[in-house]
């Protein structure tokens, strides 16, 4: 027997005495000294090895009509943990096939448990209850979609009158209602393009609340997609969800597909995506813009948007606005069931590094060019001081943020001091002490730091480009995606080795900032957006 699979409840019967690993959110009361060593690195290696599996599975899942309402088929690792479940499956399969490893795997996830129990070499105990978990998610999701329907109905009524004042045709920027955007046309994604290129207009994604939409429309030609929503359509939103076909549920990874559908169905996201699709289609029909540009990430709703634009004869421009790390599989053309048919006509990139990464992921080179980093102006240099605090950039994921906060508190016993900066979209609260403090100031606003620790945030890339000692944090039992582009690497750390790794951290070699975040080519932007005839990027 190589792998014994058990639930927390069944541990007493298992009588484990050797190496063990627990799959989140399981927290068994087992001796930490016997915890499987090197698990963080092994799990990430398994995730990387499962890349092709997820892309192939995503392409298959995307063939279902309702897949447009989900993140798992788009291989979006920052919104779906299907890739992490594939990694756990591969890792346990490797253990089970080994003749030298005997390990207890504790798993309370009813879907993953059943997936793992089918692997050769795994001896499984009684599985966790399934129907109760599915029913709970079903009811929670239905309630969440009802709440979403009520919100968007109110938004459509509140903003519907503004629709008549919107001019047809022209060039539009489709953007999210980011806190850093402003009513004078400045945008968190497109910088000062609206101010530099008169004639551009802005339309806000359906995630933008009514009050924020009014603020952003106060001094610039800005509208909200909510204005094109029909309240009658909102009545059907509670019934919108991703329903994979029976064939998908019975395949090699059937239990994982069933799990992904249940988890995504337990939220209101399908209702919001359906509303976005509805609003953007009606907006295209009425406004019929000449060209639309948006911060492109190849999510499901964006793929549908491209297809609708092509049908309407509207040109599309995707802006690769942030980073494209090796684990950000959503950008891969291979996960699109219709290939390039749902990829924008042209893509402008922040720098040569991401341009090369996208081409490597299947984007034709003739469709892409470097437009420059509208989102990342050159910041004030941050001074490196060995005696200053360590700056910790917490990610969007709350569980990883909590683990990083605990690791900082433990590492502070070695005399280190820490400043923890929460992600702006998901504030994380933790108990402070003299050596571990919260900060609202961004990295570039700090007087000095001794090092930077990050997970799944561009702050790590900014720190490396600034020449600061930088460590990428790997959580113990889950994936926090690596956002660094190919050609840029940095040492990793985890909760167990954080203090030692910080003591040994040194500034990186000189990295060319322009290679990652190139100066903005306003001439190219003007040509592509306002050139009249369709412009070639390359």
Protein backbone atom coordinates (compact mmCIF):
# COMPACT_ATOMS: atom_id res chain seq x y z
CA UNK A 1 0.00 0.00 0.00
CA UNK A 2 1.53 3.32 -1.09
CA UNK A 3 -1.30 5.76 -0.25
CA UNK A 4 -3.97 5.49 2.41
CA UNK A 5 -6.82 7.97 1.82
CA UNK A 6 -8.89 9.03 4.80
CA UNK A 7 -11.20 11.75 6.06
CA UNK A 8 -10.54 13.56 9.32
CA UNK A 9 -13.47 11.71 10.87
CA UNK A 10 -12.03 8.33 9.84
CA UNK A 11 -8.48 8.95 11.10
CA UNK A 12 -8.93 6.94 14.28
CA UNK A 13 -9.73 3.81 12.27
CA UNK A 14 -6.80 4.41 9.90
CA UNK A 15 -4.28 4.46 12.75
CA UNK A 16 -1.67 6.49 10.84
CA UNK A 17 1.85 6.69 12.22
CA UNK A 18 3.99 7.72 9.22
CA UNK A 19 4.19 10.55 6.69
CA UNK A 20 1.01 12.43 5.97
CA UNK A 21 -0.39 15.23 3.81
CA UNK A 22 -3.67 17.10 4.22
CA UNK A 23 -5.61 18.68 1.37
CA UNK A 24 -7.24 22.04 2.22
CA UNK A 25 -9.39 22.92 4.00
CA UNK A 26 -8.67 19.77 6.04
CA UNK A 27 -6.70 20.46 9.25
CA UNK A 28 -6.05 17.08 10.93
CA UNK A 29 -4.62 16.80 14.44
CA UNK A 30 -1.52 14.89 13.37
CA UNK A 31 2.12 15.22 14.40
CA UNK A 32 3.56 18.10 12.28
CA UNK A 33 6.94 16.39 12.41
CA UNK A 34 5.63 13.69 10.07
CA UNK A 35 4.10 16.08 7.58
CA UNK A 36 5.24 15.24 4.03
CA UNK A 37 8.42 17.26 3.44
CA UNK A 38 8.76 19.60 0.46
CA UNK A 39 5.01 19.60 -0.17
CA UNK A 40 4.79 23.20 -1.42
CA UNK A 41 7.41 22.63 -4.13
CA UNK A 42 6.00 19.21 -5.05
CA UNK A 43 2.46 20.56 -5.42
CA UNK A 44 3.62 23.41 -7.65
CA UNK A 45 5.63 20.98 -9.79
CA UNK A 46 2.52 18.81 -10.13
CA UNK A 47 0.49 21.88 -11.15
CA UNK A 48 3.02 22.69 -13.88
CA UNK A 49 2.98 19.08 -15.06
CA UNK A 50 -0.84 19.17 -15.25
CA UNK A 51 -0.89 22.27 -17.49
CA UNK A 52 -1.69 20.37 -20.68
CA UNK A 53 -4.36 18.35 -18.87
CA UNK A 54 -6.18 21.52 -17.82
CA UNK A 55 -5.88 23.16 -21.24
CA UNK A 56 -7.23 20.05 -22.94
CA UNK A 57 -10.01 19.67 -20.38
CA UNK A 58 -10.84 23.38 -20.58
CA UNK A 59 -11.15 23.16 -24.35
CA UNK A 60 -13.53 20.21 -24.01
CA UNK A 61 -15.62 21.90 -21.31
CA UNK A 62 -15.78 25.12 -23.30
CA UNK A 63 -17.74 23.32 -25.99
CA UNK A 64 -20.85 23.31 -23.76
CA UNK A 65 -23.14 26.28 -24.26
CA UNK A 66 -23.30 27.19 -20.55
CA UNK A 67 -19.48 27.10 -20.15
CA UNK A 68 -19.39 30.83 -20.95
CA UNK A 69 -20.74 31.38 -17.42
CA UNK A 70 -17.77 29.67 -15.74
CA UNK A 71 -14.07 30.23 -15.04
CA UNK A 72 -12.85 26.62 -14.97
CA UNK A 73 -13.25 26.07 -18.76
CA UNK A 74 -11.20 29.24 -19.39
CA UNK A 75 -8.35 27.82 -17.25
CA UNK A 76 -8.38 30.94 -15.07
CA UNK A 77 -6.15 29.90 -12.17
CA UNK A 78 -6.91 33.08 -10.21
CA UNK A 79 -10.66 32.35 -10.27
CA UNK A 80 -10.90 28.54 -10.37
CA UNK A 81 -8.99 25.90 -8.42
CA UNK A 82 -9.60 23.15 -10.96
CA UNK A 83 -5.90 23.26 -11.85
CA UNK A 84 -5.02 22.82 -8.18
CA UNK A 85 -7.29 19.77 -7.98
CA UNK A 86 -5.58 18.34 -11.07
CA UNK A 87 -2.24 18.95 -9.34
CA UNK A 88 -3.32 17.10 -6.19
CA UNK A 89 -4.58 14.22 -8.34
CA UNK A 90 -1.26 13.99 -10.17
CA UNK A 91 0.75 14.28 -6.93
CA UNK A 92 -1.20 11.51 -5.16
CA UNK A 93 -0.97 9.38 -8.31
CA UNK A 94 2.82 9.77 -8.22
CA UNK A 95 2.93 8.76 -4.56
CA UNK A 96 0.68 5.78 -5.20
CA UNK A 97 2.90 4.50 -8.01
CA UNK A 98 6.08 4.80 -5.94
CA UNK A 99 7.60 1.75 -4.33
CA UNK A 100 9.48 3.82 -1.74
CA UNK A 101 6.76 6.16 -0.43
CA UNK A 102 3.99 5.31 2.00
CA UNK A 103 1.81 8.28 2.90
CA UNK A 104 -1.51 9.04 4.52
CA UNK A 105 -3.58 11.60 2.58
CA UNK A 106 -6.31 13.29 4.58
CA UNK A 107 -9.08 14.81 2.48
CA UNK A 108 -12.53 16.02 3.55
CA UNK A 109 -13.48 17.31 0.09
CA UNK A 110 -16.23 14.91 -1.09
CA UNK A 111 -15.49 15.29 -4.83
CA UNK A 112 -11.70 15.18 -4.68
CA UNK A 113 -11.83 12.23 -2.26
CA UNK A 114 -13.83 10.24 -4.79
CA UNK A 115 -11.49 11.26 -7.61
CA UNK A 116 -8.43 10.12 -5.64
CA UNK A 117 -10.08 6.90 -4.49
CA UNK A 118 -10.18 5.70 -8.12
CA UNK A 119 -6.40 5.90 -8.53
CA UNK A 120 -4.43 2.68 -8.70
CA UNK A 121 -2.46 2.13 -5.49
CA UNK A 122 -4.79 4.20 -3.30
CA UNK A 123 -6.62 2.47 -0.47
CA UNK A 124 -9.57 4.63 0.56
CA UNK A 125 -11.72 4.67 3.64
CA UNK A 126 -15.31 5.85 3.83
CA UNK A 127 -15.86 8.95 1.65
CA UNK A 128 -17.23 12.22 3.04
CA UNK A 129 -20.95 12.96 2.49
CA UNK A 130 -21.64 14.34 -0.98
CA UNK A 131 -25.34 15.10 -1.36
CA UNK A 132 -25.41 17.43 1.63
CA UNK A 133 -22.50 19.49 0.23
CA UNK A 134 -24.07 19.67 -3.23
CA UNK A 135 -27.45 20.69 -1.84
CA UNK A 136 -25.93 23.39 0.36
CA UNK A 137 -24.06 24.91 -2.59
CA UNK A 138 -27.13 24.67 -4.80
CA UNK A 139 -29.27 26.61 -2.33
CA UNK A 140 -26.55 29.16 -1.61
CA UNK A 141 -25.96 29.73 -5.32
CA UNK A 142 -29.64 30.14 -6.06
CA UNK A 143 -29.93 32.72 -3.27
CA UNK A 144 -26.82 34.54 -4.50
CA UNK A 145 -28.20 34.71 -8.06
CA UNK A 146 -31.51 36.08 -6.78
CA UNK A 147 -29.58 38.79 -4.91
CA UNK A 148 -27.54 39.54 -8.05
CA UNK A 149 -30.73 39.80 -10.12
CA UNK A 150 -32.19 42.32 -7.71
CA UNK A 151 -28.98 44.41 -7.76
CA UNK A 152 -28.67 44.55 -11.52
CA UNK A 153 -32.36 45.32 -11.94
CA UNK A 154 -31.94 48.33 -9.66
CA UNK A 155 -28.82 49.35 -11.60
CA UNK A 156 -30.60 49.11 -14.95
CA UNK A 157 -33.47 51.26 -13.69
CA UNK A 158 -31.15 53.82 -12.12
CA UNK A 159 -28.92 54.21 -15.19
CA UNK A 160 -31.29 53.42 -18.04
CA UNK A 161 -32.15 57.05 -18.75
CA UNK A 162 -28.52 57.84 -19.54
CA UNK A 163 -28.60 55.51 -22.52
CA UNK A 164 -30.34 58.03 -24.76
CA UNK A 165 -27.52 60.59 -24.34
CA UNK A 166 -24.81 58.22 -25.58
CA UNK A 167 -23.49 58.92 -29.07
CA UNK A 168 -23.31 56.02 -31.47
CA UNK A 169 -20.22 54.68 -33.26
CA UNK A 170 -16.71 55.87 -32.37
CA UNK A 171 -13.94 54.18 -30.40
CA UNK A 172 -14.64 52.88 -26.91
CA UNK A 173 -12.67 51.59 -23.94
CA UNK A 174 -14.50 48.83 -22.05
CA UNK A 175 -13.14 48.87 -18.49
CA UNK A 176 -13.81 47.76 -14.94
CA UNK A 177 -14.85 50.26 -12.28
CA UNK A 178 -11.40 50.31 -10.66
CA UNK A 179 -10.93 52.47 -7.52
CA UNK A 180 -7.95 54.20 -9.16
CA UNK A 181 -9.96 55.45 -12.16
CA UNK A 182 -11.24 59.03 -12.16
CA UNK A 183 -14.09 61.08 -13.55
CA UNK A 184 -11.76 63.24 -15.65
CA UNK A 185 -11.02 60.32 -17.97
CA UNK A 186 -7.95 58.93 -16.25
CA UNK A 187 -8.26 55.18 -16.07
CA UNK A 188 -6.58 52.52 -13.95
CA UNK A 189 -6.05 50.36 -17.04
CA UNK A 190 -5.62 52.86 -19.89
CA UNK A 191 -3.91 55.67 -17.99
CA UNK A 192 -4.31 59.08 -19.62
CA UNK A 193 -5.30 57.84 -23.10
CA UNK A 194 -8.71 59.53 -22.96
CA UNK A 195 -7.06 62.83 -22.11
CA UNK A 196 -4.39 62.52 -24.80
CA UNK A 197 -6.60 61.18 -27.57
CA UNK A 198 -9.80 63.23 -27.82
CA UNK A 199 -12.75 61.29 -29.09
CA UNK A 200 -12.27 58.18 -26.97
CA UNK A 201 -15.21 57.10 -24.87
CA UNK A 202 -15.44 54.77 -21.92
CA UNK A 203 -18.06 52.13 -21.04
CA UNK A 204 -18.04 50.40 -17.67
CA UNK A 205 -18.23 46.67 -17.05
CA UNK A 206 -21.29 45.38 -15.19
CA UNK A 207 -19.20 44.89 -12.04
CA UNK A 208 -19.21 48.67 -11.49
CA UNK A 209 -21.79 49.84 -8.90
CA UNK A 210 -24.22 52.64 -9.75
CA UNK A 211 -22.61 55.25 -7.49
CA UNK A 212 -19.16 54.58 -8.89
CA UNK A 213 -20.50 54.69 -12.46
CA UNK A 214 -21.98 58.13 -11.82
CA UNK A 215 -18.69 59.37 -10.37
CA UNK A 216 -16.72 58.22 -13.40
CA UNK A 217 -19.24 59.74 -15.80
CA UNK A 218 -19.20 63.13 -14.09
CA UNK A 219 -16.48 64.74 -16.21
CA UNK A 220 -15.80 62.38 -19.10
CA UNK A 221 -17.70 60.61 -21.90
CA UNK A 222 -18.39 57.52 -19.79
CA UNK A 223 -21.41 55.22 -19.71
CA UNK A 224 -22.31 52.05 -17.83
CA UNK A 225 -23.32 48.79 -19.50
CA UNK A 226 -26.10 48.56 -16.91
CA UNK A 227 -27.92 51.23 -18.91
CA UNK A 228 -28.48 48.72 -21.73
CA UNK A 229 -29.77 45.97 -19.48
CA UNK A 230 -33.43 44.98 -19.74
CA UNK A 231 -34.93 44.42 -16.27
CA UNK A 232 -37.12 41.67 -17.69
CA UNK A 233 -34.02 39.64 -18.54
CA UNK A 234 -32.90 39.87 -14.92
CA UNK A 235 -35.89 37.75 -13.89
CA UNK A 236 -34.23 34.71 -15.46
CA UNK A 237 -30.79 35.25 -13.88
CA UNK A 238 -31.37 32.96 -10.85
CA UNK A 239 -31.65 30.05 -13.28
CA UNK A 240 -28.37 30.76 -15.09
CA UNK A 241 -25.48 28.50 -14.14
CA UNK A 242 -22.81 26.29 -15.66
CA UNK A 243 -24.18 22.82 -16.40
CA UNK A 244 -21.50 20.54 -17.88
CA UNK A 245 -22.87 17.81 -20.11
CA UNK A 246 -23.16 14.27 -18.80
CA UNK A 247 -20.19 13.19 -20.91
CA UNK A 248 -17.97 15.73 -19.10
CA UNK A 249 -19.12 14.41 -15.70
CA UNK A 250 -18.23 10.83 -16.56
CA UNK A 251 -14.78 11.38 -18.03
CA UNK A 252 -11.34 10.80 -16.53
CA UNK A 253 -11.70 13.87 -14.33
CA UNK A 254 -15.46 13.65 -13.93
CA UNK A 255 -15.46 14.18 -10.16
CA UNK A 256 -13.29 17.28 -10.51
CA UNK A 257 -15.58 18.73 -13.19
CA UNK A 258 -18.57 18.00 -10.98
CA UNK A 259 -16.78 19.75 -8.11
CA UNK A 260 -15.88 22.81 -10.18
CA UNK A 261 -19.46 23.15 -11.40
CA UNK A 262 -20.84 22.83 -7.86
CA UNK A 263 -18.44 25.42 -6.42
CA UNK A 264 -18.98 27.95 -9.19
CA UNK A 265 -22.71 27.25 -9.02
CA UNK A 266 -22.65 28.06 -5.31
CA UNK A 267 -22.05 31.74 -6.07
CA UNK A 268 -23.77 34.53 -7.99
CA UNK A 269 -21.05 34.72 -10.64
CA UNK A 270 -23.07 33.00 -13.40
CA UNK A 271 -25.84 35.57 -13.00
CA UNK A 272 -23.35 38.44 -13.24
CA UNK A 273 -21.63 36.97 -16.30
CA UNK A 274 -25.01 36.36 -17.97
CA UNK A 275 -25.98 39.97 -17.24
CA UNK A 276 -22.65 41.21 -18.64
CA UNK A 277 -23.22 39.18 -21.82
CA UNK A 278 -26.77 40.51 -22.14
CA UNK A 279 -25.78 44.15 -21.60
CA UNK A 280 -22.74 44.11 -23.87
CA UNK A 281 -24.70 42.49 -26.70
CA UNK A 282 -27.48 45.13 -26.49
CA UNK A 283 -24.85 47.88 -26.25
CA UNK A 284 -23.14 46.61 -29.41
CA UNK A 285 -26.46 46.53 -31.26
CA UNK A 286 -27.42 50.10 -30.34
CA UNK A 287 -24.07 51.92 -30.25
CA UNK A 288 -22.30 49.89 -32.93
CA UNK A 289 -18.81 51.21 -32.15
CA UNK A 290 -16.09 51.18 -34.78
CA UNK A 291 -13.58 49.66 -32.36
CA UNK A 292 -13.58 48.50 -28.74
CA UNK A 293 -10.45 48.09 -26.58
CA UNK A 294 -10.38 46.49 -23.14
CA UNK A 295 -7.91 45.01 -20.60
CA UNK A 296 -7.77 41.56 -22.17
CA UNK A 297 -7.37 38.40 -20.11
CA UNK A 298 -9.16 35.87 -22.35
CA UNK A 299 -11.89 35.08 -19.83
CA UNK A 300 -15.10 33.42 -20.98
CA UNK A 301 -17.14 36.61 -21.23
CA UNK A 302 -14.38 38.22 -23.31
CA UNK A 303 -14.39 35.33 -25.76
CA UNK A 304 -18.13 35.76 -26.22
CA UNK A 305 -17.65 39.50 -26.62
CA UNK A 306 -15.12 39.00 -29.43
CA UNK A 307 -17.48 36.65 -31.24
CA UNK A 308 -20.33 39.17 -30.95
CA UNK A 309 -18.11 41.99 -32.20
CA UNK A 310 -17.09 39.96 -35.23
CA UNK A 311 -20.72 39.29 -36.09
CA UNK A 312 -21.47 43.01 -35.79
CA UNK A 313 -18.43 44.09 -37.82
CA UNK A 314 -16.79 45.80 -34.83
CA UNK A 315 -12.98 45.78 -34.53
CA UNK A 316 -11.47 44.50 -31.28
CA UNK A 317 -8.27 45.45 -29.47
CA UNK A 318 -7.07 43.63 -26.37
CA UNK A 319 -4.65 45.36 -24.02
CA UNK A 320 -2.34 43.00 -22.13
CA UNK A 321 -2.29 45.30 -19.17
CA UNK A 322 -0.54 43.55 -16.32
CA UNK A 323 1.59 40.40 -16.34
CA UNK A 324 1.50 37.01 -18.04
CA UNK A 325 3.18 34.47 -15.79
CA UNK A 326 3.88 30.90 -16.78
CA UNK A 327 0.91 29.62 -14.75
CA UNK A 328 -1.64 32.12 -16.08
CA UNK A 329 -3.18 29.62 -18.46
CA UNK A 330 -6.26 31.70 -19.24
CA UNK A 331 -4.19 33.53 -21.87
CA UNK A 332 -3.49 30.31 -23.79
CA UNK A 333 -5.30 30.12 -27.11
CA UNK A 334 -5.37 26.34 -26.68
CA UNK A 335 -8.17 26.53 -24.12
CA UNK A 336 -10.49 28.26 -26.64
CA UNK A 337 -12.71 25.67 -28.34
CA UNK A 338 -12.89 27.97 -31.39
CA UNK A 339 -9.21 28.92 -31.30
CA UNK A 340 -8.43 32.36 -32.71
CA UNK A 341 -12.10 33.08 -33.47
CA UNK A 342 -12.55 34.39 -29.93
CA UNK A 343 -9.21 36.23 -29.71
CA UNK A 344 -9.14 40.02 -30.42
CA UNK A 345 -8.13 41.27 -33.87
CA UNK A 346 -5.09 42.93 -32.31
CA UNK A 347 -3.34 42.85 -28.94
CA UNK A 348 -1.08 45.58 -27.57
CA UNK A 349 1.30 44.41 -24.82
CA UNK A 350 2.97 46.16 -21.88
CA UNK A 351 6.44 45.00 -22.91
CA UNK A 352 8.54 42.60 -24.93
CA UNK A 353 8.51 40.02 -22.13
CA UNK A 354 4.74 39.59 -22.17
CA UNK A 355 4.63 39.89 -25.95
CA UNK A 356 6.92 36.86 -26.21
CA UNK A 357 4.91 35.02 -23.55
CA UNK A 358 1.62 35.52 -25.41
CA UNK A 359 3.12 34.43 -28.72
CA UNK A 360 4.37 31.32 -26.93
CA UNK A 361 0.81 30.68 -25.73
CA UNK A 362 -0.54 30.68 -29.28
CA UNK A 363 -1.20 34.33 -30.16
CA UNK A 364 -0.08 34.93 -33.77
CA UNK A 365 2.86 37.31 -33.87
CA UNK A 366 1.20 39.41 -36.58
CA UNK A 367 -1.67 40.20 -34.23
CA UNK A 368 0.49 41.59 -31.43
CA UNK A 369 2.82 44.50 -30.73
CA UNK A 370 4.24 46.39 -27.76
CA UNK A 371 2.15 49.42 -26.85
CA UNK A 372 3.79 50.16 -23.50
CA UNK A 373 2.79 50.07 -19.86
CA UNK A 374 -0.12 52.45 -19.41
CA UNK A 375 -0.76 51.00 -15.94
CA UNK A 376 2.77 51.14 -14.54
CA UNK A 377 4.46 54.53 -14.72
CA UNK A 378 8.01 54.65 -13.40
CA UNK A 379 7.76 54.99 -9.62
CA UNK A 380 10.03 56.71 -7.13
CA UNK A 381 12.93 54.38 -6.27
CA UNK A 382 12.66 52.60 -2.92
CA UNK A 383 15.81 52.63 -0.83
CA UNK A 384 17.27 49.29 0.22
CA UNK A 385 18.31 49.14 3.87
CA UNK A 386 19.23 45.85 5.57
CA UNK A 387 17.88 47.20 8.86
CA UNK A 388 14.50 48.35 7.50
CA UNK A 389 11.32 46.23 7.78
CA UNK A 390 10.43 43.52 5.29
CA UNK A 391 7.57 44.56 3.00
CA UNK A 392 5.00 41.76 2.55
CA UNK A 393 2.57 42.15 -0.36
CA UNK A 394 -0.47 40.03 0.44
CA UNK A 395 -2.39 38.47 -2.48
CA UNK A 396 -6.07 38.43 -3.43
CA UNK A 397 -6.48 34.98 -1.82
CA UNK A 398 -7.47 35.29 1.84
CA UNK A 399 -6.15 31.87 2.88
CA UNK A 400 -2.71 32.57 1.44
CA UNK A 401 -2.72 36.02 3.06
CA UNK A 402 -3.47 34.43 6.44
CA UNK A 403 -0.62 31.94 6.01
CA UNK A 404 1.80 34.74 5.09
CA UNK A 405 0.74 36.74 8.16
CA UNK A 406 1.33 33.72 10.41
CA UNK A 407 4.69 33.08 8.78
CA UNK A 408 5.73 36.70 9.34
CA UNK A 409 4.80 36.52 13.01
CA UNK A 410 6.85 33.33 13.43
CA UNK A 411 9.82 34.77 11.51
CA UNK A 412 9.75 37.90 13.66
CA UNK A 413 11.10 35.74 16.51
CA UNK A 414 14.44 35.94 14.67
CA UNK A 415 14.52 39.71 15.08
CA UNK A 416 12.97 40.60 11.71
CA UNK A 417 10.34 43.33 11.36
CA UNK A 418 7.50 43.21 8.86
CA UNK A 419 5.07 45.59 7.17
CA UNK A 420 2.08 43.78 5.66
CA UNK A 421 0.14 45.45 2.83
CA UNK A 422 -3.25 43.90 2.04
CA UNK A 423 -4.54 43.53 -1.51
CA UNK A 424 -6.77 46.55 -2.30
CA UNK A 425 -9.69 44.38 -3.43
CA UNK A 426 -9.60 41.92 -0.51
CA UNK A 427 -8.51 43.52 2.77
CA UNK A 428 -7.05 41.01 5.22
CA UNK A 429 -7.06 41.69 8.95
CA UNK A 430 -4.59 40.10 11.37
CA UNK A 431 -3.45 40.62 14.93
CA UNK A 432 -0.56 43.10 14.95
CA UNK A 433 2.43 43.05 17.27
CA UNK A 434 5.49 45.27 17.60
CA UNK A 435 7.37 43.41 14.87
CA UNK A 436 4.47 42.74 12.48
CA UNK A 437 2.47 45.80 11.46
CA UNK A 438 -0.13 46.69 8.86
CA UNK A 439 0.56 49.41 6.28
CA UNK A 440 -1.70 51.21 3.82
CA UNK A 441 1.27 52.62 1.92
CA UNK A 442 2.28 50.96 -1.34
CA UNK A 443 5.81 49.70 -1.90
CA UNK A 444 6.89 52.82 -3.77
CA UNK A 445 5.62 54.95 -0.88
CA UNK A 446 7.90 53.28 1.69
CA UNK A 447 11.01 55.14 2.87
CA UNK A 448 13.12 51.95 2.83
CA UNK A 449 12.72 48.18 2.97
CA UNK A 450 15.14 45.33 3.63
CA UNK A 451 13.33 42.86 1.34
CA UNK A 452 9.99 42.14 -0.31
CA UNK A 453 7.91 38.98 0.06
CA UNK A 454 5.00 38.49 -2.35
CA UNK A 455 2.54 35.94 -3.70
CA UNK A 456 0.53 36.27 -6.92
CA UNK A 457 0.82 40.05 -7.19
CA UNK A 458 2.69 42.36 -9.56
CA UNK A 459 4.27 44.01 -6.52
CA UNK A 460 6.88 41.25 -6.64
CA UNK A 461 7.77 42.09 -10.22
CA UNK A 462 7.97 45.79 -9.37
CA UNK A 463 10.29 44.97 -6.46
CA UNK A 464 12.62 42.95 -8.67
CA UNK A 465 12.75 45.71 -11.27
CA UNK A 466 13.55 48.16 -8.47
CA UNK A 467 16.57 46.04 -7.47
CA UNK A 468 15.21 44.95 -4.08
CA UNK A 469 15.82 41.50 -2.51
CA UNK A 470 12.61 39.66 -3.35
CA UNK A 471 11.16 36.29 -2.37
CA UNK A 472 8.12 34.55 -3.87
CA UNK A 473 6.04 32.91 -1.15
CA UNK A 474 4.77 29.39 -1.79
CA UNK A 475 1.90 28.33 0.50
CA UNK A 476 2.18 24.92 2.09
CA UNK A 477 -0.82 23.16 0.56
CA UNK A 478 -2.29 25.24 -2.25
CA UNK A 479 -1.27 27.00 -5.44
CA UNK A 480 -0.50 30.70 -5.51
CA UNK A 481 0.20 31.33 -9.17
CA UNK A 482 3.60 32.52 -10.31
CA UNK A 483 3.04 35.86 -12.10
CA UNK A 484 6.65 36.37 -13.20
CA UNK A 485 7.22 36.33 -16.97
CA UNK A 486 9.66 33.94 -18.60
CA UNK A 487 13.24 35.13 -18.19
CA UNK A 488 12.69 36.60 -14.74
CA UNK A 489 13.05 34.40 -11.69
CA UNK A 490 13.45 34.93 -7.98
CA UNK A 491 14.07 32.68 -4.96
CA UNK A 492 11.05 31.06 -3.36
CA UNK A 493 10.24 30.75 0.31
CA UNK A 494 7.59 29.21 2.54
CA UNK A 495 6.38 29.44 6.11
CA UNK A 496 9.03 27.06 7.43
CA UNK A 497 12.06 28.72 5.85
CA UNK A 498 10.98 32.39 5.68
CA UNK A 499 13.35 33.70 8.36
CA UNK A 500 16.40 31.88 6.99
CA UNK A 501 15.59 32.85 3.40
CA UNK A 502 15.26 36.52 4.35
CA UNK A 503 18.58 36.45 6.16
CA UNK A 504 20.20 35.16 2.97
CA UNK A 505 18.31 37.40 0.53
CA UNK A 506 20.38 39.71 -1.67
CA UNK A 507 19.47 42.27 -4.35
CA UNK A 508 18.89 40.75 -7.80
CA UNK A 509 21.00 41.52 -10.81
CA UNK A 510 20.08 44.47 -12.97
CA UNK A 511 16.80 43.81 -14.77
CA UNK A 512 15.74 45.94 -17.76
CA UNK A 513 12.46 47.55 -16.74
CA UNK A 514 11.63 48.51 -20.32
CA UNK A 515 11.71 44.84 -21.32
CA UNK A 516 8.75 44.21 -18.99
CA UNK A 517 7.06 47.62 -18.75
CA UNK A 518 8.00 49.50 -21.88
CA UNK A 519 7.53 53.27 -22.32
CA UNK A 520 4.09 54.04 -23.76
CA UNK A 521 4.07 54.35 -27.54
CA UNK A 522 1.32 56.96 -27.85
CA UNK A 523 1.87 57.16 -31.59
CA UNK A 524 1.04 53.46 -31.96
CA UNK A 525 -1.97 53.77 -29.67
CA UNK A 526 -3.23 56.73 -31.71
CA UNK A 527 -2.72 54.88 -34.98
CA UNK A 528 -4.48 51.73 -33.80
CA UNK A 529 -7.37 53.46 -32.05
CA UNK A 530 -8.00 56.54 -34.18
CA UNK A 531 -6.32 55.74 -37.49
CA UNK A 532 -9.60 55.27 -39.32
CA UNK A 533 -8.63 52.35 -41.51
CA UNK A 534 -7.76 49.20 -39.64
CA UNK A 535 -4.10 49.39 -38.62
CA UNK A 536 -1.67 46.51 -38.46
CA UNK A 537 0.23 46.27 -35.18
CA UNK A 538 3.33 44.55 -36.41
